[in-house]
Amino acid sequence: MNNEQSNNMQSDFTTLLEQSFKKNKTNNNRVVVGKIISIKNDKAIIDVGLKSEGILSVSNIKVLKDSDDIKVGDTLEVYIERFEDKFGNPVLSIEKAQKEATWKKLESHLNSGEIIEGLITNRTKGGFAVDLNGTLAFLPGSQVDLSIVRDTSSLLNTKQKFKVIKMDRVRNNIVVSRRAVLEDVRNIAKVEVLSKLEEGMVIDGVVKNITEYGVFVDIGGIDGLLHVTDMSWKRISSPSEIVKVGDKVKVQVIKFNKDTGRVSLGMKQLSKTPWDETLSEKYKIGEKYQGKIVNITDYGVFVELEECIEGMVYKAELSWIKNVNPAKVVNIGDVVDVKVLEVIPDKHKISLSIKACQPNPCAKFAEEHPVGSKLKGTIKNIKEFGIFVELTDVLDGIIAMRDITWGISYDDELDSSNFANNSKTKNYEVGQEIEVVVLGINQNKEVIKLGLKQLTEDPYAEALKSTHKDDVVKGKVSKVTPDGMEVKLENGLPCLIKRIDIGRNSKKQLSDYMVGDEVKALVVNVNPDRRHVLLSIKALDIKTEHDVLKKLNSESGKSKLGDVLGDALKK
């Protein structure tokens, strides 16, 4: 044998050896089909196509294959853990072969989304353990149902359907979901239900969840909201008074939005409404009835007249006391007398009054304090238009600004900055006790008109009587403001000349006048009730011009216009 032949033989041997190692490496950690070639002393010799055979326990094969009929020639899938042990035989496992087959099948389900069946065996941290035909998987608590399940004991040791949602070979972790299966079922049912749903139809449902504002009802794949106000014609404080979770209920579809899938349901609509047209005959406007306080709010109280029929007493109709807190007047459960103010059956509305059943304090006041009588009160509030005086615990009177003093003042018209504020005027302030005169009482409107100036005689009565419209008067300036000036006439009567009435032909402007200056003007308005007298210098100028022209027309004996005008101007 020469060197070349020797080298070729060495190269062939190396190639065969590498192929052998490669084959053995490929066979390692994989599932192959083996054949039983002999059975001896509970040992089955398995040929897996390697240079030597593997050995498995016959009894173990029977258990795993669930068969007692094991014989030579049978084939089975085995997992090659190592291709050679210390005796040169491959190490085989039928358990791992079955697990590997299961794993691949589960991977197929993960990719396809197919549903599989498994047994919930026991509770674990954060969820449950699930047996998938010999392979354990984890079911998180959040994936058990469509909503939180408080009691899961009924699910233990039961077969359920699942979807594989996550797999990790390295960590040997498989996660399944029962919720995903239920969602698919619900979505299919939802499409079918939505296609058949119509407003007004009556359907069966199951109570799934209860909140303070209503109940969620499963109506066959979708949830509808049964609001607390649509559960009963009578008032209920909580939906749990009528239903509990799991109850089967019959409901009516009130509203249905096909775009959003939102469904509003009702139960009371399935029973006859007590709010029919005969209610107006039963509860007549102006009549008195008895009822029970069933609810108190900031704006009033609800009174139950009969079962399922409630009326509303607004805050203003609770008591003759102004702005009273409803909770301080009545309590829930109180039986009260009420008067019907309004009945609107189609709007389920009855307006009631409690104070209308009580004596009107204004009527009693009118008996005790007729017009012209005097009494004392406390200033409660001051506004631009008058002063509010507290007369009793429930009654206030008002003094209009014109009834405060006989003195005629034009401050409000001449200077807006002189308006009274909300707590004090020149002579009066909130909390001050004063004596007043009753000027008028309107019992229906609960208005009592009071006066201060009427406590004394009117000092300007005679002056007002002697002052008439179109009179030419003289007086002295007593006050000048940017908007006009006050003038006191020779008879002592204060009057007003507005800025626009200062004059037309006069060269004097408002700024040229000073307190004490004498003025001559025409009376253009007299209002005795408001103590209001307006003068106008401009109107007097116009009147003078008209008088001159009138005289020109009547003076036919004058030959020259200049002579006539001269005489008129001299006069």
Protein backbone atom coordinates (compact mmCIF):
# COMPACT_ATOMS: atom_id res chain seq x y z
CA MET A 1 0.00 0.00 0.00
CA ASN A 2 1.55 3.25 -1.11
CA ASN A 3 1.25 6.59 0.67
CA GLU A 4 -1.47 7.88 -1.66
CA GLN A 5 -3.73 4.89 -0.97
CA SER A 6 -3.06 5.25 2.74
CA ASN A 7 -4.07 8.93 2.67
CA ASN A 8 -7.27 8.17 0.76
CA MET A 9 -8.29 5.49 3.26
CA GLN A 10 -7.63 7.92 6.13
CA SER A 11 -9.79 10.59 4.42
CA ASP A 12 -12.70 8.15 3.86
CA PHE A 13 -12.61 7.03 7.50
CA THR A 14 -12.66 10.66 8.71
CA THR A 15 -15.67 11.44 6.50
CA LEU A 16 -17.59 8.38 7.72
CA LEU A 17 -16.78 9.27 11.34
CA GLU A 18 -18.01 12.87 10.91
CA GLN A 19 -21.20 11.66 9.24
CA SER A 20 -21.72 9.27 12.12
CA PHE A 21 -21.29 12.03 14.72
CA LYS A 22 -23.55 14.34 12.70
CA LYS A 23 -26.22 11.65 12.49
CA ASN A 24 -25.96 10.91 16.17
CA LYS A 25 -26.13 14.61 17.02
CA THR A 26 -29.20 15.01 14.82
CA ASN A 27 -30.92 12.11 16.50
CA ASN A 28 -30.26 13.53 19.94
CA ASN A 29 -33.22 15.39 21.67
CA ARG A 30 -35.78 14.49 19.09
CA VAL A 31 -38.82 12.23 18.67
CA VAL A 32 -38.40 9.19 16.44
CA VAL A 33 -40.42 6.06 15.69
CA GLY A 34 -39.00 2.98 17.39
CA LYS A 35 -39.79 -0.72 16.96
CA ILE A 36 -39.97 -3.36 19.70
CA ILE A 37 -37.62 -6.13 18.59
CA SER A 38 -37.74 -8.20 21.77
CA ILE A 39 -39.34 -8.34 25.24
CA LYS A 40 -37.57 -9.99 28.20
CA ASN A 41 -38.18 -9.60 31.96
CA ASP A 42 -40.41 -6.48 31.62
CA LYS A 43 -37.79 -4.94 29.36
CA ALA A 44 -38.59 -3.97 25.80
CA ILE A 45 -35.67 -3.63 23.39
CA ILE A 46 -36.37 -0.73 21.00
CA ASP A 47 -34.69 -0.28 17.63
CA VAL A 48 -34.51 3.43 16.75
CA GLY A 49 -32.15 3.08 13.75
CA LEU A 50 -28.91 3.66 15.66
CA LYS A 51 -25.92 1.35 16.00
CA SER A 52 -27.39 0.03 19.24
CA GLU A 53 -30.87 -0.39 20.74
CA GLY A 54 -32.60 1.36 23.63
CA ILE A 55 -34.45 -0.15 26.54
CA LEU A 56 -37.87 0.81 28.03
CA SER A 57 -40.03 -0.64 30.80
CA VAL A 58 -42.92 -2.70 29.43
CA SER A 59 -45.18 -1.79 32.35
CA ASN A 60 -44.39 1.89 31.77
CA ILE A 61 -45.26 1.55 28.09
CA LYS A 62 -48.58 -0.09 29.00
CA VAL A 63 -49.48 2.77 31.35
CA LEU A 64 -48.52 5.54 28.95
CA LYS A 65 -50.13 3.88 25.92
CA ASP A 66 -53.12 2.81 28.03
CA SER A 67 -52.94 -0.72 26.60
CA ASP A 68 -52.03 -4.15 27.99
CA ASP A 69 -51.45 -5.56 24.53
CA ILE A 70 -47.72 -4.87 24.06
CA LYS A 71 -45.84 -7.28 21.78
CA VAL A 72 -42.76 -7.63 19.62
CA GLY A 73 -43.13 -5.75 16.35
CA ASP A 74 -45.16 -2.87 17.81
CA THR A 75 -44.03 0.62 16.92
CA LEU A 76 -44.14 3.67 19.19
CA GLU A 77 -42.84 7.21 19.32
CA VAL A 78 -39.93 7.75 21.68
CA TYR A 79 -37.80 10.71 22.64
CA ILE A 80 -33.99 10.33 22.35
CA GLU A 81 -32.56 12.09 25.40
CA ARG A 82 -28.97 10.96 24.70
CA PHE A 83 -27.75 8.89 21.80
CA GLU A 84 -25.39 6.86 24.02
CA ASP A 85 -25.09 6.06 27.70
CA LYS A 86 -22.03 4.55 29.45
CA PHE A 87 -22.93 1.15 27.96
CA GLY A 88 -23.21 2.58 24.46
CA ASN A 89 -27.03 2.39 24.35
CA PRO A 90 -29.37 5.34 23.49
CA VAL A 91 -31.42 6.80 26.38
CA LEU A 92 -35.12 6.83 25.41
CA SER A 93 -38.29 8.32 26.97
CA ILE A 94 -41.86 7.68 25.96
CA GLU A 95 -43.15 10.32 28.42
CA LYS A 96 -41.10 13.07 26.80
CA ALA A 97 -42.19 11.86 23.38
CA GLN A 98 -45.81 12.30 24.35
CA LYS A 99 -45.04 15.71 25.91
CA GLU A 100 -43.24 16.84 22.78
CA ALA A 101 -46.13 15.75 20.63
CA THR A 102 -48.50 17.62 22.90
CA TRP A 103 -46.27 20.74 22.82
CA LYS A 104 -46.24 20.78 19.01
CA LYS A 105 -49.99 20.33 18.95
CA LEU A 106 -50.38 23.25 21.38
CA GLU A 107 -48.10 25.40 19.22
CA SER A 108 -50.40 24.63 16.32
CA HIS A 109 -53.40 25.73 18.43
CA LEU A 110 -51.56 28.91 19.44
CA ASN A 111 -50.95 29.84 15.82
CA SER A 112 -54.40 28.89 14.55
CA GLY A 113 -56.46 30.05 17.55
CA GLU A 114 -58.21 26.67 17.79
CA ILE A 115 -60.06 25.78 20.96
CA ILE A 116 -58.82 22.94 23.17
CA GLU A 117 -60.27 21.19 26.19
CA GLY A 118 -58.60 20.92 29.57
CA LEU A 119 -59.28 20.09 33.22
CA ILE A 120 -59.00 22.81 35.88
CA THR A 121 -57.18 20.85 38.61
CA ASN A 122 -56.38 23.27 41.41
CA ARG A 123 -55.90 26.90 42.41
CA THR A 124 -52.40 28.42 42.14
CA LYS A 125 -50.94 31.82 42.88
CA GLY A 126 -52.70 34.28 40.59
CA GLY A 127 -54.87 31.72 38.85
CA PHE A 128 -55.41 27.99 38.24
CA ALA A 129 -53.56 24.92 36.98
CA VAL A 130 -55.04 23.27 33.89
CA ASP A 131 -54.28 19.72 32.69
CA LEU A 132 -54.11 19.64 28.88
CA ASN A 133 -54.01 15.89 28.27
CA GLY A 134 -51.03 15.39 30.55
CA THR A 135 -49.40 18.79 30.03
CA LEU A 136 -49.89 21.43 32.71
CA ALA A 137 -50.84 24.99 31.72
CA PHE A 138 -51.53 28.16 33.68
CA LEU A 139 -54.91 29.93 33.67
CA PRO A 140 -54.56 33.52 35.03
CA GLY A 141 -57.38 34.83 37.21
CA SER A 142 -58.07 37.60 34.71
CA GLN A 143 -58.67 35.01 31.98
CA VAL A 144 -61.21 32.87 33.84
CA ASP A 145 -64.39 34.73 32.80
CA LEU A 146 -65.71 37.84 31.06
CA SER A 147 -66.03 39.53 34.46
CA ILE A 148 -64.59 38.97 37.90
CA VAL A 149 -65.86 35.71 39.41
CA ARG A 150 -66.12 35.92 43.19
CA ASP A 151 -66.74 32.21 43.78
CA THR A 152 -64.65 29.92 41.56
CA SER A 153 -65.18 26.71 43.51
CA SER A 154 -67.69 25.51 40.91
CA LEU A 155 -64.95 25.54 38.24
CA LEU A 156 -62.50 23.23 40.05
CA ASN A 157 -62.20 19.67 38.64
CA THR A 158 -64.36 20.57 35.65
CA LYS A 159 -63.50 20.31 31.98
CA GLN A 160 -63.56 23.65 30.19
CA LYS A 161 -62.69 25.00 26.78
CA PHE A 162 -59.61 27.21 26.38
CA LYS A 163 -57.44 29.08 23.92
CA VAL A 164 -53.64 28.95 24.07
CA ILE A 165 -52.46 32.57 24.32
CA LYS A 166 -48.76 32.18 25.21
CA MET A 167 -45.98 29.51 25.14
CA ASP A 168 -42.36 29.59 26.31
CA ARG A 169 -40.23 26.43 25.71
CA VAL A 170 -37.27 27.72 27.68
CA ARG A 171 -39.35 28.25 30.80
CA ASN A 172 -41.68 25.37 29.96
CA ASN A 173 -44.59 27.76 30.37
CA ILE A 174 -48.03 27.50 28.73
CA VAL A 175 -50.76 30.11 29.35
CA VAL A 176 -54.39 29.51 28.41
CA SER A 177 -57.56 31.64 28.47
CA ARG A 178 -61.16 30.66 29.09
CA ARG A 179 -62.23 34.28 28.70
CA ALA A 180 -61.11 34.35 25.03
CA VAL A 181 -63.45 31.43 24.29
CA LEU A 182 -66.35 33.15 26.06
CA GLU A 183 -65.66 36.39 24.16
CA ASP A 184 -65.88 34.55 20.84
CA VAL A 185 -69.17 32.99 21.91
CA ARG A 186 -70.46 36.36 23.09
CA ASN A 187 -69.45 38.14 19.89
CA ILE A 188 -71.21 35.56 17.76
CA ALA A 189 -74.31 35.83 19.93
CA LYS A 190 -74.03 39.62 19.95
CA VAL A 191 -74.16 39.85 16.17
CA GLU A 192 -77.21 37.61 16.11
CA VAL A 193 -78.96 39.53 18.92
CA LEU A 194 -78.21 42.94 17.39
CA SER A 195 -79.66 41.86 14.08
CA LYS A 196 -82.97 40.98 15.75
CA LEU A 197 -83.16 43.73 18.42
CA GLU A 198 -85.84 46.42 18.13
CA GLU A 199 -87.08 49.16 20.46
CA GLY A 200 -90.21 48.12 22.31
CA MET A 201 -89.62 44.37 22.14
CA VAL A 202 -89.79 42.31 25.35
CA ILE A 203 -86.94 39.88 26.02
CA ASP A 204 -85.55 37.64 28.78
CA GLY A 205 -82.25 38.40 30.47
CA VAL A 206 -80.01 37.53 33.39
CA VAL A 207 -78.75 40.04 35.96
CA LYS A 208 -74.96 40.17 35.66
CA ASN A 209 -73.96 43.15 37.77
CA ILE A 210 -75.61 45.62 40.17
CA THR A 211 -74.49 49.22 40.66
CA GLU A 212 -75.94 52.13 42.61
CA TYR A 213 -77.43 53.61 39.43
CA GLY A 214 -78.83 50.46 37.87
CA VAL A 215 -78.41 46.86 36.73
CA PHE A 216 -76.52 45.30 33.80
CA VAL A 217 -78.56 42.55 32.20
CA ASP A 218 -77.24 39.91 29.78
CA ILE A 219 -79.80 39.65 27.00
CA GLY A 220 -78.10 36.89 25.04
CA GLY A 221 -74.54 37.95 24.27
CA ILE A 222 -74.78 41.66 24.97
CA ASP A 223 -75.34 43.66 28.16
CA GLY A 224 -78.13 46.20 28.49
CA LEU A 225 -78.47 48.82 31.22
CA LEU A 226 -81.59 48.73 33.35
CA HIS A 227 -81.52 52.13 35.07
CA VAL A 228 -82.81 52.34 38.65
CA THR A 229 -85.53 54.80 37.57
CA ASP A 230 -86.85 52.25 35.06
CA MET A 231 -87.06 49.35 37.48
CA SER A 232 -90.26 50.30 39.30
CA TRP A 233 -92.97 52.97 39.32
CA LYS A 234 -92.34 53.42 43.04
CA ARG A 235 -89.22 55.00 44.52
CA ILE A 236 -86.40 52.57 45.42
CA SER A 237 -83.16 53.47 47.13
CA SER A 238 -81.12 50.63 45.60
CA PRO A 239 -81.58 48.20 42.66
CA SER A 240 -80.76 45.34 45.05
CA GLU A 241 -84.19 45.87 46.63
CA ILE A 242 -85.72 44.29 43.52
CA VAL A 243 -83.10 41.96 41.95
CA LYS A 244 -79.88 40.12 42.74
CA VAL A 245 -77.04 38.82 40.55
CA GLY A 246 -78.11 35.74 38.61
CA ASP A 247 -81.83 36.55 38.62
CA LYS A 248 -83.74 35.89 35.41
CA VAL A 249 -85.74 38.97 34.46
CA LYS A 250 -88.12 40.05 31.73
CA VAL A 251 -87.30 43.49 30.32
CA GLN A 252 -88.35 45.82 27.52
CA VAL A 253 -85.95 47.51 25.08
CA ILE A 254 -86.45 51.25 25.62
CA LYS A 255 -83.62 52.58 23.48
CA PHE A 256 -81.23 50.87 21.09
CA ASN A 257 -78.25 52.38 19.24
CA LYS A 258 -77.10 50.08 16.41
CA ASP A 259 -73.88 52.02 15.89
CA THR A 260 -72.64 51.82 19.50
CA GLY A 261 -74.50 48.68 20.52
CA ARG A 262 -75.83 50.41 23.65
CA VAL A 263 -79.14 49.09 24.91
CA SER A 264 -81.37 50.75 27.53
CA LEU A 265 -83.85 48.45 29.25
CA GLY A 266 -86.93 48.88 31.42
CA MET A 267 -88.94 46.74 33.81
CA LYS A 268 -91.63 49.14 35.01
CA GLN A 269 -92.76 49.65 31.40
CA LEU A 270 -94.13 46.09 31.46
CA SER A 271 -96.68 47.02 34.14
CA LYS A 272 -99.53 49.51 33.91
CA THR A 273 -98.49 53.07 34.67
CA PRO A 274 -100.28 54.73 37.58
CA TRP A 275 -99.73 58.08 35.83
CA ASP A 276 -102.81 57.92 33.64
CA GLU A 277 -105.26 60.68 32.71
CA THR A 278 -107.54 59.89 35.65
CA LEU A 279 -104.85 61.23 37.98
CA SER A 280 -105.95 64.81 37.21
CA GLU A 281 -109.44 63.90 38.44
CA LYS A 282 -108.10 62.16 41.53
CA TYR A 283 -105.74 64.98 42.58
CA LYS A 284 -107.46 68.27 41.83
CA ILE A 285 -105.65 71.60 41.74
CA GLY A 286 -106.27 73.62 44.90
CA GLU A 287 -107.37 70.61 46.97
CA LYS A 288 -105.56 69.42 50.11
CA TYR A 289 -104.22 65.85 50.57
CA GLN A 290 -101.94 63.95 52.94
CA GLY A 291 -98.64 62.40 51.95
CA LYS A 292 -95.39 61.02 53.33
CA ILE A 293 -91.94 62.59 52.89
CA VAL A 294 -89.82 60.02 51.00
CA ASN A 295 -86.83 62.08 49.83
CA ILE A 296 -85.18 65.40 50.70
CA THR A 297 -82.98 67.42 48.33
CA ASP A 298 -81.41 70.87 48.32
CA TYR A 299 -84.16 72.19 46.05
CA GLY A 300 -87.16 70.63 47.76
CA VAL A 301 -88.79 67.40 48.98
CA PHE A 302 -90.67 64.46 47.40
CA VAL A 303 -94.01 63.50 48.91
CA GLU A 304 -95.60 60.09 48.32
CA LEU A 305 -99.34 60.53 47.83
CA GLU A 306 -99.90 56.83 47.19
CA GLU A 307 -97.78 53.88 46.12
CA CYS A 308 -95.86 54.79 42.95
CA ILE A 309 -97.26 58.36 42.93
CA GLU A 310 -95.00 61.14 44.22
CA GLY A 311 -95.29 64.90 44.09
CA MET A 312 -92.65 67.58 44.39
CA VAL A 313 -92.66 70.39 46.95
CA TYR A 314 -90.11 72.96 45.81
CA LYS A 315 -88.12 74.91 48.35
CA ALA A 316 -90.21 78.07 47.92
CA GLU A 317 -93.38 76.09 48.75
CA LEU A 318 -92.06 74.44 51.91
CA SER A 319 -92.52 77.26 54.39
CA TRP A 320 -93.41 80.93 54.71
CA ILE A 321 -89.83 81.38 55.95
CA LYS A 322 -87.62 82.65 53.12
CA ASN A 323 -84.74 80.46 51.79
CA VAL A 324 -85.29 77.74 54.36
CA ASN A 325 -83.19 74.56 54.38
CA PRO A 326 -85.57 71.67 53.49
CA ALA A 327 -83.81 69.32 55.92
CA LYS A 328 -84.61 71.71 58.78
CA VAL A 329 -88.34 71.81 57.99
CA VAL A 330 -89.23 68.12 57.46
CA ASN A 331 -87.80 64.63 57.97
CA ILE A 332 -88.12 61.50 55.86
CA GLY A 333 -91.21 59.61 56.99
CA ASP A 334 -93.12 62.70 58.13
CA VAL A 335 -96.80 62.74 57.18
CA VAL A 336 -97.69 66.23 55.91
CA ASP A 337 -100.65 68.13 54.47
CA VAL A 338 -100.11 69.38 50.92
CA LYS A 339 -102.07 71.42 48.40
CA VAL A 340 -101.97 70.49 44.69
CA LEU A 341 -100.61 73.29 42.50
CA GLU A 342 -100.21 71.47 39.17
CA VAL A 343 -100.81 67.99 37.69
CA ILE A 344 -99.19 66.85 34.40
CA PRO A 345 -99.73 63.05 34.08
CA ASP A 346 -97.83 62.58 30.79
CA LYS A 347 -94.74 64.15 32.36
CA HIS A 348 -95.23 62.26 35.64
CA LYS A 349 -95.33 65.57 37.48
CA ILE A 350 -97.36 66.81 40.44
CA SER A 351 -96.38 70.13 42.05
CA LEU A 352 -97.37 70.49 45.69
CA SER A 353 -97.24 73.10 48.43
CA ILE A 354 -96.90 72.63 52.16
CA LYS A 355 -96.95 76.32 53.07
CA ALA A 356 -100.28 76.78 51.25
CA CYS A 357 -101.83 74.53 53.94
CA GLN A 358 -100.55 76.82 56.66
CA PRO A 359 -101.92 80.26 57.69
CA ASN A 360 -100.53 83.09 55.55
CA PRO A 361 -98.46 85.24 57.93
CA CYS A 362 -99.01 88.15 55.57
CA ALA A 363 -102.77 87.97 56.17
CA LYS A 364 -102.26 87.91 59.91
CA PHE A 365 -99.87 90.85 59.61
CA ALA A 366 -102.47 92.82 57.62
CA GLU A 367 -105.01 92.30 60.39
CA GLU A 368 -102.61 93.45 63.09
CA HIS A 369 -100.96 96.23 61.09
CA PRO A 370 -103.34 97.93 58.65
CA VAL A 371 -102.17 100.58 56.18
CA GLY A 372 -101.04 103.69 58.05
CA SER A 373 -99.95 101.86 61.21
CA LYS A 374 -96.47 102.30 62.60
CA LEU A 375 -94.07 99.60 63.83
CA LYS A 376 -90.38 98.90 64.30
CA GLY A 377 -88.11 96.62 62.26
CA THR A 378 -84.44 95.85 61.57
CA ILE A 379 -82.69 96.75 58.32
CA LYS A 380 -81.84 93.42 56.64
CA ASN A 381 -80.44 94.55 53.29
CA ILE A 382 -79.88 97.71 51.24
CA LYS A 383 -80.19 97.79 47.45
CA GLU A 384 -80.15 100.51 44.80
CA PHE A 385 -83.94 100.46 44.64
CA GLY A 386 -84.70 100.37 48.36
CA ILE A 387 -84.18 99.08 51.89
CA PHE A 388 -85.39 95.65 53.10
CA VAL A 389 -86.66 95.61 56.69
CA GLU A 390 -87.18 92.44 58.75
CA LEU A 391 -90.58 92.76 60.46
CA THR A 392 -91.08 89.21 61.81
CA ASP A 393 -89.29 85.84 61.56
CA VAL A 394 -91.01 85.17 58.24
CA LEU A 395 -91.89 88.61 56.86
CA ASP A 396 -89.82 91.38 55.30
CA GLY A 397 -90.99 94.76 54.10
CA ILE A 398 -89.41 97.11 51.55
CA ILE A 399 -88.90 100.87 51.65
CA ALA A 400 -88.58 102.29 48.13
CA MET A 401 -85.89 104.96 47.78
CA ARG A 402 -88.53 107.61 47.10
CA ASP A 403 -90.16 106.80 50.46
CA ILE A 404 -87.03 107.34 52.56
CA THR A 405 -87.07 111.15 52.83
CA TRP A 406 -89.19 114.18 51.79
CA GLY A 407 -86.04 115.92 50.67
CA ILE A 408 -85.83 115.89 46.87
CA SER A 409 -82.38 114.70 45.76
CA TYR A 410 -81.25 114.12 42.18
CA ASP A 411 -77.99 112.37 43.09
CA ASP A 412 -78.99 109.14 41.30
CA GLU A 413 -79.60 111.01 38.04
CA LEU A 414 -76.71 113.46 38.23
CA ASP A 415 -73.99 111.14 39.50
CA SER A 416 -74.27 107.35 39.24
CA SER A 417 -71.45 106.95 41.77
CA ASN A 418 -73.89 108.06 44.49
CA PHE A 419 -76.01 104.88 44.22
CA ALA A 420 -76.50 103.20 47.60
CA ASN A 421 -74.29 100.15 48.24
CA ASN A 422 -75.52 96.86 49.64
CA SER A 423 -74.86 97.60 53.30
CA LYS A 424 -75.03 101.34 53.99
CA THR A 425 -76.51 104.65 52.89
CA LYS A 426 -75.87 108.15 54.20
CA ASN A 427 -78.18 107.69 57.17
CA TYR A 428 -78.96 103.96 57.38
CA GLU A 429 -77.05 100.66 57.64
CA VAL A 430 -77.73 96.92 57.91
CA GLY A 431 -78.69 95.86 61.45
CA GLN A 432 -80.09 99.25 62.38
CA GLU A 433 -83.51 99.31 64.10
CA ILE A 434 -85.90 101.84 62.58
CA GLU A 435 -89.55 102.89 62.81
CA VAL A 436 -91.62 102.62 59.63
CA VAL A 437 -95.15 103.23 58.35
CA VAL A 438 -97.17 100.53 56.50
CA LEU A 439 -98.04 101.92 53.05
CA GLY A 440 -99.55 98.84 51.42
CA ILE A 441 -99.88 95.03 51.69
CA ASN A 442 -100.19 92.55 48.80
CA GLN A 443 -101.03 89.22 50.45
CA ASN A 444 -100.86 87.16 47.25
CA LYS A 445 -97.38 88.38 46.38
CA GLU A 446 -96.32 88.62 50.05
CA VAL A 447 -95.17 92.21 49.50
CA ILE A 448 -95.34 94.78 52.30
CA LYS A 449 -94.58 98.36 51.30
CA LEU A 450 -93.14 100.57 54.00
CA GLY A 451 -92.27 104.26 54.34
CA LEU A 452 -89.92 106.39 56.44
CA LYS A 453 -90.74 109.88 55.24
CA GLN A 454 -94.43 109.34 56.00
CA LEU A 455 -93.55 109.54 59.70
CA THR A 456 -93.37 113.36 59.21
CA GLU A 457 -95.33 116.01 57.29
CA ASP A 458 -94.38 116.74 53.67
CA PRO A 459 -92.47 120.08 53.78
CA TYR A 460 -92.76 120.53 50.01
CA ALA A 461 -96.46 119.77 49.58
CA GLU A 462 -97.53 123.38 49.14
CA ALA A 463 -94.56 124.22 46.92
CA LEU A 464 -95.40 121.30 44.61
CA LYS A 465 -99.02 122.37 44.42
CA SER A 466 -98.02 125.87 43.32
CA THR A 467 -95.51 124.68 40.67
CA HIS A 468 -96.93 123.74 37.27
CA LYS A 469 -95.64 122.71 33.89
CA ASP A 470 -94.75 125.64 31.54
CA ASP A 471 -94.30 128.03 34.50
CA VAL A 472 -91.33 130.41 34.18
CA VAL A 473 -89.48 130.26 37.50
CA LYS A 474 -86.43 131.74 39.17
CA GLY A 475 -84.02 130.14 41.63
CA LYS A 476 -80.43 129.72 42.79
CA VAL A 477 -77.97 126.97 41.95
CA SER A 478 -77.53 124.67 44.99
CA LYS A 479 -75.33 121.96 43.43
CA VAL A 480 -73.35 121.40 40.18
CA THR A 481 -72.27 117.99 38.87
CA PRO A 482 -70.84 116.85 35.50
CA ASP A 483 -74.38 115.85 34.42
CA GLY A 484 -76.36 118.91 35.45
CA MET A 485 -77.27 121.08 38.42
CA GLU A 486 -79.80 121.39 41.21
CA VAL A 487 -81.72 124.64 41.57
CA LYS A 488 -83.72 125.74 44.64
CA LEU A 489 -86.69 127.87 43.61
CA GLU A 490 -87.88 130.97 45.46
CA ASN A 491 -90.59 128.82 47.14
CA GLY A 492 -87.88 126.46 48.45
CA LEU A 493 -88.62 123.60 46.03
CA PRO A 494 -85.48 121.75 44.75
CA CYS A 495 -85.47 121.16 40.96
CA LEU A 496 -83.13 119.66 38.36
CA ILE A 497 -81.67 121.10 35.17
CA LYS A 498 -79.94 118.43 33.09
CA ARG A 499 -76.82 119.26 31.09
CA ILE A 500 -78.69 119.09 27.77
CA ASP A 501 -81.20 121.70 29.08
CA ILE A 502 -78.65 124.38 30.06
CA GLY A 503 -79.46 126.59 27.07
CA ARG A 504 -79.49 127.12 23.32
CA ASN A 505 -78.90 130.84 22.84
CA SER A 506 -77.14 131.37 26.17
CA LYS A 507 -73.40 131.69 25.96
CA LYS A 508 -73.04 130.04 29.36
CA GLN A 509 -72.00 126.38 29.59
CA LEU A 510 -72.52 124.05 32.58
CA SER A 511 -68.97 124.71 33.74
CA ASP A 512 -69.72 128.44 33.92
CA TYR A 513 -72.31 128.00 36.69
CA MET A 514 -71.46 128.09 40.39
CA VAL A 515 -73.42 127.47 43.58
CA GLY A 516 -75.40 130.64 44.35
CA ASP A 517 -75.85 131.78 40.75
CA GLU A 518 -79.35 132.94 39.86
CA VAL A 519 -81.10 131.20 36.97
CA LYS A 520 -84.37 131.61 35.10
CA ALA A 521 -85.93 128.55 33.47
CA LEU A 522 -89.11 126.90 32.25
CA VAL A 523 -90.81 124.05 34.18
CA VAL A 524 -90.97 121.11 31.73
CA ASN A 525 -92.09 118.28 34.05
CA VAL A 526 -93.70 117.90 37.49
CA ASN A 527 -94.15 114.47 39.11
CA PRO A 528 -95.52 114.86 42.66
CA ASP A 529 -95.37 111.11 43.40
CA ARG A 530 -91.66 110.89 42.60
CA ARG A 531 -90.95 114.36 43.97
CA HIS A 532 -89.48 115.15 40.58
CA VAL A 533 -89.41 118.63 39.01
CA LEU A 534 -87.43 119.26 35.81
CA LEU A 535 -86.43 122.74 34.54
CA SER A 536 -84.97 123.81 31.19
CA ILE A 537 -83.14 127.02 30.25
CA LYS A 538 -83.11 125.85 26.65
CA ALA A 539 -86.88 125.41 26.63
CA LEU A 540 -87.25 128.96 27.96
CA ASP A 541 -85.06 130.28 25.09
CA ILE A 542 -87.22 128.45 22.55
CA LYS A 543 -90.39 129.79 24.15
CA THR A 544 -89.03 133.33 24.00
CA GLU A 545 -88.23 132.99 20.27
CA HIS A 546 -91.74 131.67 19.58
CA ASP A 547 -93.26 134.58 21.47
CA VAL A 548 -91.21 137.06 19.40
CA LEU A 549 -92.31 135.53 16.10
CA LYS A 550 -95.90 135.53 17.24
CA LYS A 551 -95.66 139.19 18.10
CA LEU A 552 -94.11 139.94 14.65
CA ASN A 553 -97.16 138.48 12.99
CA SER A 554 -99.52 140.56 15.12
CA GLU A 555 -97.61 143.88 14.92
CA SER A 556 -98.92 145.02 11.49
CA GLY A 557 -98.50 148.71 12.40
CA LYS A 558 -94.71 148.53 12.45
CA SER A 559 -93.08 149.48 9.13
CA LYS A 560 -89.70 148.02 9.69
CA LEU A 561 -88.76 144.56 10.83
CA GLY A 562 -85.78 146.01 12.67
CA ASP A 563 -88.00 148.17 14.82
CA VAL A 564 -90.13 145.20 15.81
CA LEU A 565 -87.14 143.05 16.68
CA GLY A 566 -85.56 145.92 18.57
CA ASP A 567 -88.64 146.45 20.70
CA ALA A 568 -88.94 142.73 21.40
CA LEU A 569 -85.34 142.41 22.39
CA LYS A 570 -85.57 145.42 24.67
CA LYS A 571 -88.50 143.83 26.44
